[in-house]
Amino acid sequence: MQYRKDKKGNDISILGYGCMRFTKKGGNIDIDKAEKEVMTAIEGGVNYFDTAYIYPGSEAAIGEILKRNNVRDKVYIATKLPHYLIKSIDGVEKTFNEELRRLQTDYIDFYLMHMLSDVSVWNKLKNMGITEWIDEKISSGKIRNIGFSYHGSSDMFKQLVDVYDWDFCQIQYNYMDENSQAGVSGLKYANAKGLPVIIMEPLRGGRLVDLLPESAKELFAKDSEHRTAADIAFKWLYDQPEVTCVLSGMNSVEMVRQNLETASASHPGCMSASDKELIELVKKEIAKSVKVGCTGCGYCMPCPKGVDIPGTFRCYNAMYSEGKRSGRQDYLQCTALRKDTGSASQCIQCGKCESHCPQHIQIRQELKKAAGELETPFYKLAKRVIRLFKLW
């Protein structure tokens, strides 16, 4: 296993265990199956385990597994505060204590503000007293490192990096999100500020494996070096020194072992010319199924009305390359679940964006099409509920 340093000099395994996708049995997590998978990972050198308050049964499962095997002191637990469900600092305290009980521990190694969407949300938390609460928990040793997870544009991500003295952060990042979400610019910005960066969705929820176009799958089937879609996606991340740890939602012992093998053989600079060529070929095949030729460069931004133009097109394209449900879920999360919404329907057809687009995309026309397919009746209802109850 390869390791990289956190902000305090501790060794973090480059492969982390994402605990959201444990196998369910009869509606509950199959704890015995999960135990075999988790222990295989620990024996292989994995020491970073990521869960969250809102992952059903996950915190309790990982807490029970660590207790059964007496390995709590051998791993780092990362979990998250669902601030969007909490209205007071008393609620924060109650939720945190519940997480400690579920995890059967008296401290959290890495604690995140879950899905921190923008600076206004952070300011709301500050007014609630969150910074004083964090200070008390860190001084008492109940929280060892404080950070945040993020879905959204790179500009807002950079602003969030700067609003507090964070110990780490977590972003969605993979070879298809290189220039969207926080992206490579956000990754490098956080790293330059001294922040370890934890990576989620390295396979876009498995879609860079199972839902690749058939033409892309054929590239791997005929590959003379016998590389797999998962191997090459992980290797692309491990190649970058700014990446601290890559989370994988492993739910079989075989998957754990395959990921351990890739992680143990990977390091900064590990991508060969052949690896890079294969990635580019796969990306071209994926691009053939997209609706809008947006590269995510961001030159069209900022929009006067706050429309997340690159994010909208990424989700619109994902509807056709990965499935309609996937694209729509991503769109809801990235545009509606924030105080300053970025919905395509907010476009007033001013045309400012088109004058800056190096791809010469008819942005106004494409935004209208995207809104028609992404902003379903469910999206509109969910957006109203989010606004009504201030769930951002």
Protein backbone atom coordinates (compact mmCIF):
# COMPACT_ATOMS: atom_id res chain seq x y z
CA MET A 1 0.00 0.00 0.00
CA GLN A 2 1.16 3.50 -0.82
CA TYR A 3 0.61 6.31 1.70
CA ARG A 4 0.48 10.09 1.51
CA LYS A 5 0.70 12.65 4.29
CA ASP A 6 -2.18 14.58 5.80
CA LYS A 7 -1.76 18.15 7.06
CA LYS A 8 -0.32 16.92 10.37
CA GLY A 9 2.14 14.47 8.87
CA ASN A 10 0.14 11.26 9.38
CA ASP A 11 0.22 8.55 6.72
CA ILE A 12 -3.08 8.10 4.84
CA SER A 13 -3.54 5.13 2.53
CA ILE A 14 -4.06 6.29 -1.06
CA LEU A 15 -6.97 3.85 -1.27
CA GLY A 16 -9.77 4.73 1.12
CA TYR A 17 -12.91 2.75 1.87
CA GLY A 18 -16.18 4.48 0.99
CA CYS A 19 -18.77 2.92 3.30
CA MET A 20 -21.94 4.04 1.50
CA ARG A 21 -22.38 0.95 -0.66
CA PHE A 22 -22.25 -1.97 1.77
CA THR A 23 -24.44 -4.85 0.55
CA LYS A 24 -27.97 -4.89 1.95
CA LYS A 25 -29.75 -8.05 3.12
CA GLY A 26 -33.42 -7.87 4.05
CA GLY A 27 -33.23 -4.08 3.99
CA ASN A 28 -30.28 -3.93 6.40
CA ILE A 29 -26.54 -4.00 5.85
CA ASP A 30 -25.15 -7.54 5.65
CA ILE A 31 -22.73 -6.99 8.52
CA ASP A 32 -20.92 -10.33 8.18
CA LYS A 33 -20.23 -9.78 4.47
CA ALA A 34 -19.16 -6.19 5.09
CA GLU A 35 -16.86 -7.37 7.88
CA LYS A 36 -14.95 -9.66 5.51
CA GLU A 37 -14.54 -6.85 3.01
CA VAL A 38 -13.46 -4.25 5.58
CA MET A 39 -10.99 -6.58 7.27
CA THR A 40 -9.50 -7.60 3.91
CA ALA A 41 -8.96 -3.90 3.23
CA ILE A 42 -7.36 -3.25 6.63
CA GLU A 43 -5.08 -6.27 6.27
CA GLY A 44 -4.07 -4.87 2.88
CA GLY A 45 -3.08 -1.51 4.39
CA VAL A 46 -6.23 0.62 3.98
CA ASN A 47 -6.56 2.94 6.98
CA TYR A 48 -9.12 5.58 5.88
CA PHE A 49 -12.83 4.77 6.19
CA ASP A 50 -15.44 7.28 5.03
CA THR A 51 -19.08 7.23 6.13
CA ALA A 52 -21.81 9.79 6.89
CA TYR A 53 -24.78 10.39 9.16
CA ILE A 54 -27.22 10.04 6.25
CA TYR A 55 -25.84 6.74 4.85
CA PRO A 56 -28.45 4.28 6.21
CA GLY A 57 -26.83 1.90 8.68
CA SER A 58 -23.30 2.72 7.56
CA GLU A 59 -21.94 4.39 10.70
CA ALA A 60 -23.34 1.63 12.92
CA ALA A 61 -21.94 -1.08 10.65
CA ILE A 62 -18.39 0.28 10.54
CA GLY A 63 -18.49 0.91 14.29
CA GLU A 64 -19.53 -2.68 14.97
CA ILE A 65 -16.93 -4.14 12.61
CA LEU A 66 -14.09 -2.15 14.15
CA LYS A 67 -15.19 -3.11 17.65
CA ARG A 68 -15.55 -6.81 16.83
CA ASN A 69 -12.00 -6.93 15.52
CA ASN A 70 -10.43 -4.51 18.02
CA VAL A 71 -8.94 -2.37 15.24
CA ARG A 72 -10.32 1.09 16.00
CA ASP A 73 -6.84 2.44 16.75
CA LYS A 74 -5.50 1.14 13.43
CA VAL A 75 -7.75 3.23 11.20
CA TYR A 76 -9.00 6.75 10.61
CA ILE A 77 -12.76 7.27 10.65
CA ALA A 78 -14.22 10.06 8.54
CA THR A 79 -17.87 11.00 8.94
CA LYS A 80 -20.01 14.02 8.21
CA LEU A 81 -22.33 16.57 9.81
CA PRO A 82 -25.67 16.89 7.93
CA HIS A 83 -25.85 20.63 8.60
CA TYR A 84 -28.70 20.97 6.08
CA LEU A 85 -30.94 19.04 8.50
CA ILE A 86 -29.96 21.05 11.59
CA LYS A 87 -31.28 24.41 12.77
CA SER A 88 -29.28 25.07 15.96
CA ILE A 89 -25.97 24.38 17.65
CA ASP A 90 -27.82 22.10 20.07
CA GLY A 91 -28.85 20.08 17.04
CA VAL A 92 -25.21 19.89 15.94
CA GLU A 93 -24.19 18.58 19.35
CA LYS A 94 -27.00 16.04 19.44
CA THR A 95 -26.16 14.74 15.96
CA PHE A 96 -22.44 14.50 16.71
CA ASN A 97 -23.06 12.52 19.88
CA GLU A 98 -25.36 10.18 18.00
CA GLU A 99 -22.60 9.59 15.46
CA LEU A 100 -20.15 8.77 18.25
CA ARG A 101 -22.63 6.21 19.63
CA ARG A 102 -23.20 4.65 16.23
CA LEU A 103 -19.47 4.41 15.57
CA GLN A 104 -18.77 3.12 19.10
CA THR A 105 -15.92 5.57 19.56
CA ASP A 106 -15.19 8.69 21.58
CA TYR A 107 -13.50 10.67 18.80
CA ILE A 108 -13.69 11.24 15.03
CA ASP A 109 -10.44 11.43 13.09
CA PHE A 110 -11.77 13.38 10.10
CA TYR A 111 -15.04 15.31 10.46
CA LEU A 112 -16.66 17.01 7.48
CA MET A 113 -19.32 19.60 6.86
CA HIS A 114 -21.31 17.43 4.46
CA MET A 115 -22.02 18.92 1.01
CA LEU A 116 -21.05 22.47 1.95
CA SER A 117 -22.50 24.23 -1.08
CA ASP A 118 -21.39 27.85 -0.85
CA VAL A 119 -19.99 30.61 1.36
CA SER A 120 -23.44 31.82 2.43
CA VAL A 121 -24.14 28.41 3.96
CA TRP A 122 -20.87 28.57 5.87
CA ASN A 123 -21.75 32.06 7.12
CA LYS A 124 -25.10 30.72 8.30
CA LEU A 125 -23.28 28.00 10.25
CA LYS A 126 -20.88 30.57 11.69
CA ASN A 127 -23.82 32.65 12.93
CA MET A 128 -25.14 29.48 14.54
CA GLY A 129 -21.84 29.13 16.46
CA ILE A 130 -20.17 26.35 14.48
CA THR A 131 -16.62 27.71 14.72
CA GLU A 132 -16.77 27.87 18.52
CA TRP A 133 -18.24 24.36 18.56
CA ILE A 134 -15.43 23.07 16.32
CA ASP A 135 -12.79 24.73 18.51
CA GLU A 136 -14.20 23.03 21.60
CA LYS A 137 -14.30 19.62 19.94
CA ILE A 138 -10.76 19.91 18.63
CA SER A 139 -9.38 21.11 21.96
CA SER A 140 -11.09 18.19 23.73
CA GLY A 141 -9.77 15.70 21.17
CA LYS A 142 -13.21 14.58 20.04
CA ILE A 143 -12.44 15.81 16.53
CA ARG A 144 -8.90 15.42 15.20
CA ASN A 145 -9.29 17.09 11.78
CA ILE A 146 -12.03 19.32 10.38
CA GLY A 147 -12.95 19.63 6.71
CA PHE A 148 -15.77 19.78 4.18
CA SER A 149 -17.08 17.86 1.20
CA TYR A 150 -18.18 19.68 -1.92
CA HIS A 151 -20.17 19.35 -5.15
CA GLY A 152 -20.22 22.40 -7.40
CA SER A 153 -18.08 24.78 -9.45
CA SER A 154 -14.36 25.36 -8.98
CA ASP A 155 -14.77 29.09 -8.26
CA MET A 156 -17.04 28.53 -5.25
CA PHE A 157 -14.84 25.67 -4.07
CA LYS A 158 -11.84 27.99 -3.95
CA GLN A 159 -13.82 30.53 -1.96
CA LEU A 160 -14.79 27.84 0.56
CA VAL A 161 -11.16 26.75 0.89
CA ASP A 162 -10.32 30.29 1.98
CA VAL A 163 -13.14 30.97 4.48
CA TYR A 164 -11.71 28.83 7.29
CA ASP A 165 -8.50 27.15 8.41
CA TRP A 166 -9.53 23.67 7.25
CA ASP A 167 -7.46 20.53 7.80
CA PHE A 168 -8.66 18.75 4.64
CA CYS A 169 -11.37 18.70 1.98
CA GLN A 170 -13.21 16.18 -0.18
CA ILE A 171 -14.24 16.59 -3.82
CA GLN A 172 -15.71 14.61 -6.69
CA TYR A 173 -12.94 14.09 -9.22
CA ASN A 174 -12.21 11.64 -12.04
CA TYR A 175 -10.99 11.77 -15.62
CA MET A 176 -14.42 12.91 -16.84
CA ASP A 177 -14.68 15.64 -14.17
CA GLU A 178 -11.22 17.05 -14.80
CA ASN A 179 -12.67 20.42 -15.82
CA SER A 180 -16.00 20.33 -13.97
CA GLN A 181 -17.04 20.29 -10.31
CA ALA A 182 -14.01 21.47 -8.28
CA GLY A 183 -11.89 20.00 -11.05
CA VAL A 184 -8.16 19.96 -11.48
CA SER A 185 -7.94 23.71 -10.79
CA GLY A 186 -9.69 23.22 -7.44
CA LEU A 187 -7.49 20.23 -6.62
CA LYS A 188 -4.32 22.20 -7.27
CA TYR A 189 -5.63 25.25 -5.42
CA ALA A 190 -6.40 23.25 -2.28
CA ASN A 191 -3.04 21.49 -2.47
CA ALA A 192 -1.23 24.82 -2.81
CA LYS A 193 -2.99 25.93 0.38
CA GLY A 194 -1.63 22.86 2.16
CA LEU A 195 -4.91 20.93 2.24
CA PRO A 196 -5.00 17.17 1.79
CA VAL A 197 -7.64 16.33 -0.81
CA ILE A 198 -9.83 13.24 -0.48
CA ILE A 199 -11.39 12.06 -3.75
CA MET A 200 -14.93 10.71 -4.02
CA GLU A 201 -16.65 9.26 -7.10
CA PRO A 202 -13.45 8.13 -8.84
CA LEU A 203 -15.63 5.94 -11.08
CA ARG A 204 -18.66 8.28 -11.05
CA GLY A 205 -20.62 5.76 -8.99
CA GLY A 206 -19.42 2.89 -11.19
CA ARG A 207 -20.52 4.62 -14.37
CA LEU A 208 -16.97 4.78 -15.72
CA VAL A 209 -17.05 0.98 -15.62
CA ASP A 210 -20.54 -0.46 -16.01
CA LEU A 211 -22.14 2.31 -18.06
CA LEU A 212 -19.34 3.06 -20.49
CA PRO A 213 -20.40 3.10 -24.15
CA GLU A 214 -19.96 -0.29 -25.81
CA SER A 215 -17.24 1.18 -28.02
CA ALA A 216 -15.27 2.17 -24.90
CA LYS A 217 -15.78 -1.25 -23.31
CA GLU A 218 -14.42 -2.74 -26.53
CA LEU A 219 -11.18 -0.79 -26.08
CA PHE A 220 -10.60 -2.54 -22.75
CA ALA A 221 -11.69 -5.93 -24.07
CA LYS A 222 -9.05 -5.72 -26.82
CA ASP A 223 -6.34 -4.08 -24.69
CA SER A 224 -3.05 -5.94 -25.12
CA GLU A 225 -1.91 -4.80 -21.65
CA HIS A 226 -5.08 -6.24 -20.05
CA ARG A 227 -5.95 -3.05 -18.22
CA THR A 228 -9.45 -2.67 -16.83
CA ALA A 229 -11.71 0.38 -16.77
CA ALA A 230 -11.44 0.58 -12.97
CA ASP A 231 -7.66 0.14 -12.92
CA ILE A 232 -7.02 2.93 -15.40
CA ALA A 233 -9.44 5.33 -13.65
CA PHE A 234 -7.77 4.80 -10.26
CA LYS A 235 -4.29 4.96 -11.76
CA TRP A 236 -5.17 8.32 -13.38
CA LEU A 237 -5.88 9.69 -9.89
CA TYR A 238 -2.94 8.09 -8.10
CA ASP A 239 -0.64 9.59 -10.75
CA GLN A 240 -1.40 13.07 -9.39
CA PRO A 241 0.64 14.04 -6.30
CA GLU A 242 -2.03 16.52 -5.18
CA VAL A 243 -4.43 13.61 -4.52
CA THR A 244 -4.17 12.34 -0.94
CA CYS A 245 -6.68 9.49 -0.83
CA VAL A 246 -9.17 7.96 -3.29
CA LEU A 247 -12.40 6.54 -1.89
CA SER A 248 -13.89 3.39 -3.36
CA GLY A 249 -17.31 2.00 -2.44
CA MET A 250 -16.14 -1.61 -2.37
CA ASN A 251 -18.77 -4.30 -1.80
CA SER A 252 -16.98 -7.57 -2.54
CA VAL A 253 -13.74 -9.13 -1.34
CA GLU A 254 -12.68 -9.53 -4.96
CA MET A 255 -13.17 -5.81 -5.59
CA VAL A 256 -11.16 -4.98 -2.47
CA ARG A 257 -8.28 -7.19 -3.60
CA GLN A 258 -8.26 -5.75 -7.11
CA ASN A 259 -8.21 -2.21 -5.76
CA LEU A 260 -5.46 -3.09 -3.29
CA GLU A 261 -3.34 -4.43 -6.13
CA THR A 262 -3.77 -1.25 -8.17
CA ALA A 263 -3.10 1.02 -5.20
CA SER A 264 0.02 -0.87 -4.15
CA ALA A 265 1.55 -0.48 -7.61
CA SER A 266 0.63 3.18 -8.14
CA HIS A 267 2.49 6.39 -7.32
CA PRO A 268 2.88 9.93 -8.68
CA GLY A 269 4.09 9.64 -12.25
CA CYS A 270 2.89 6.05 -12.66
CA MET A 271 0.84 6.74 -15.80
CA SER A 272 2.66 5.55 -18.91
CA ALA A 273 2.26 7.11 -22.35
CA SER A 274 0.14 4.11 -23.25
CA ASP A 275 -2.08 4.63 -20.20
CA LYS A 276 -2.65 8.26 -21.11
CA GLU A 277 -3.43 7.35 -24.70
CA LEU A 278 -6.02 4.79 -23.56
CA ILE A 279 -7.70 7.37 -21.30
CA GLU A 280 -7.97 9.82 -24.19
CA LEU A 281 -9.44 7.16 -26.48
CA VAL A 282 -12.04 6.26 -23.86
CA LYS A 283 -12.93 9.92 -23.33
CA LYS A 284 -13.45 10.35 -27.07
CA GLU A 285 -15.83 7.41 -27.16
CA ILE A 286 -17.77 8.82 -24.23
CA ALA A 287 -17.85 12.24 -25.92
CA LYS A 288 -19.60 10.76 -28.94
CA SER A 289 -22.73 10.24 -26.86
CA VAL A 290 -22.89 13.76 -25.39
CA LYS A 291 -25.43 16.39 -26.39
CA VAL A 292 -23.32 19.54 -25.99
CA GLY A 293 -19.62 19.83 -26.80
CA CYS A 294 -18.81 21.71 -23.59
CA THR A 295 -15.29 21.17 -22.25
CA GLY A 296 -16.04 22.73 -18.86
CA CYS A 297 -13.47 25.49 -19.38
CA GLY A 298 -15.67 28.02 -17.56
CA TYR A 299 -14.98 30.95 -19.90
CA CYS A 300 -18.76 31.50 -20.10
CA MET A 301 -18.91 32.24 -16.41
CA PRO A 302 -20.00 34.01 -14.30
CA CYS A 303 -23.58 34.16 -15.51
CA PRO A 304 -25.39 37.38 -14.47
CA LYS A 305 -28.29 35.26 -13.22
CA GLY A 306 -26.16 32.62 -11.53
CA VAL A 307 -26.77 29.77 -14.00
CA ASP A 308 -24.16 27.04 -13.58
CA ILE A 309 -23.58 26.69 -17.32
CA PRO A 310 -20.75 24.10 -17.33
CA GLY A 311 -22.48 22.13 -14.58
CA THR A 312 -25.77 22.11 -16.47
CA PHE A 313 -24.16 20.83 -19.65
CA ARG A 314 -22.21 18.18 -17.74
CA CYS A 315 -25.43 16.84 -16.22
CA TYR A 316 -27.29 17.13 -19.54
CA ASN A 317 -24.55 15.12 -21.23
CA ALA A 318 -24.55 12.59 -18.40
CA MET A 319 -28.23 11.90 -19.10
CA TYR A 320 -27.19 10.47 -22.46
CA SER A 321 -23.84 8.93 -21.59
CA GLU A 322 -24.70 7.49 -18.17
CA GLY A 323 -28.48 7.45 -17.90
CA LYS A 324 -31.26 9.98 -17.35
CA ARG A 325 -31.62 9.26 -13.64
CA SER A 326 -27.91 9.79 -13.03
CA GLY A 327 -27.80 13.12 -14.85
CA ARG A 328 -30.93 14.43 -13.16
CA GLN A 329 -29.79 13.45 -9.67
CA ASP A 330 -26.45 15.19 -10.22
CA TYR A 331 -28.22 18.28 -11.54
CA LEU A 332 -30.53 18.52 -8.52
CA GLN A 333 -27.57 18.28 -6.17
CA CYS A 334 -25.39 20.81 -7.99
CA THR A 335 -27.99 23.46 -8.87
CA ALA A 336 -30.90 23.29 -6.41
CA LEU A 337 -29.32 22.17 -3.15
CA ARG A 338 -27.67 25.53 -2.53
CA LYS A 339 -28.79 28.95 -1.40
CA ASP A 340 -27.90 30.65 -4.68
CA THR A 341 -29.44 28.25 -7.18
CA GLY A 342 -27.83 27.68 -10.57
CA SER A 343 -30.74 26.27 -12.60
CA ALA A 344 -30.69 26.55 -16.40
CA SER A 345 -34.22 28.00 -16.36
CA GLN A 346 -32.81 31.14 -14.71
CA CYS A 347 -31.27 32.11 -18.07
CA ILE A 348 -32.61 35.44 -19.38
CA GLN A 349 -31.11 34.95 -22.87
CA CYS A 350 -28.70 37.91 -22.52
CA GLY A 351 -26.03 36.16 -24.60
CA LYS A 352 -23.03 37.33 -22.55
CA CYS A 353 -21.84 33.73 -22.18
CA GLU A 354 -21.77 33.03 -25.92
CA SER A 355 -19.34 35.87 -26.64
CA HIS A 356 -16.74 34.15 -24.45
CA CYS A 357 -17.24 30.49 -25.46
CA PRO A 358 -14.15 29.13 -27.30
CA GLN A 359 -16.27 26.21 -28.58
CA HIS A 360 -18.80 28.63 -30.12
CA ILE A 361 -21.67 26.75 -28.49
CA GLN A 362 -25.14 28.23 -28.87
CA ILE A 363 -25.40 28.34 -25.10
CA ARG A 364 -28.78 30.02 -24.80
CA GLN A 365 -30.43 27.51 -27.09
CA GLU A 366 -28.75 24.53 -25.43
CA LEU A 367 -29.62 25.76 -21.93
CA LYS A 368 -33.28 25.88 -22.94
CA LYS A 369 -33.09 22.29 -24.19
CA ALA A 370 -31.25 21.18 -21.06
CA ALA A 371 -33.79 22.81 -18.75
CA GLY A 372 -36.57 21.05 -20.60
CA GLU A 373 -35.07 17.65 -19.87
CA LEU A 374 -33.38 18.21 -16.52
CA GLU A 375 -36.00 20.29 -14.75
CA THR A 376 -38.73 17.70 -14.43
CA PRO A 377 -41.84 18.15 -12.27
CA PHE A 378 -39.96 16.29 -9.52
CA TYR A 379 -37.01 18.69 -9.81
CA LYS A 380 -39.30 21.72 -9.57
CA LEU A 381 -41.09 20.31 -6.53
CA ALA A 382 -37.81 19.36 -4.83
CA LYS A 383 -36.41 22.83 -5.50
CA ARG A 384 -39.47 24.45 -3.89
CA VAL A 385 -39.18 22.20 -0.84
CA ILE A 386 -35.46 23.01 -0.53
CA ARG A 387 -36.22 26.74 -0.68
CA LEU A 388 -39.14 26.45 1.74
CA PHE A 389 -37.24 24.56 4.43
CA LYS A 390 -33.83 26.09 3.64
CA LEU A 391 -32.25 22.67 3.17
CA TRP A 392 -29.19 23.98 1.32
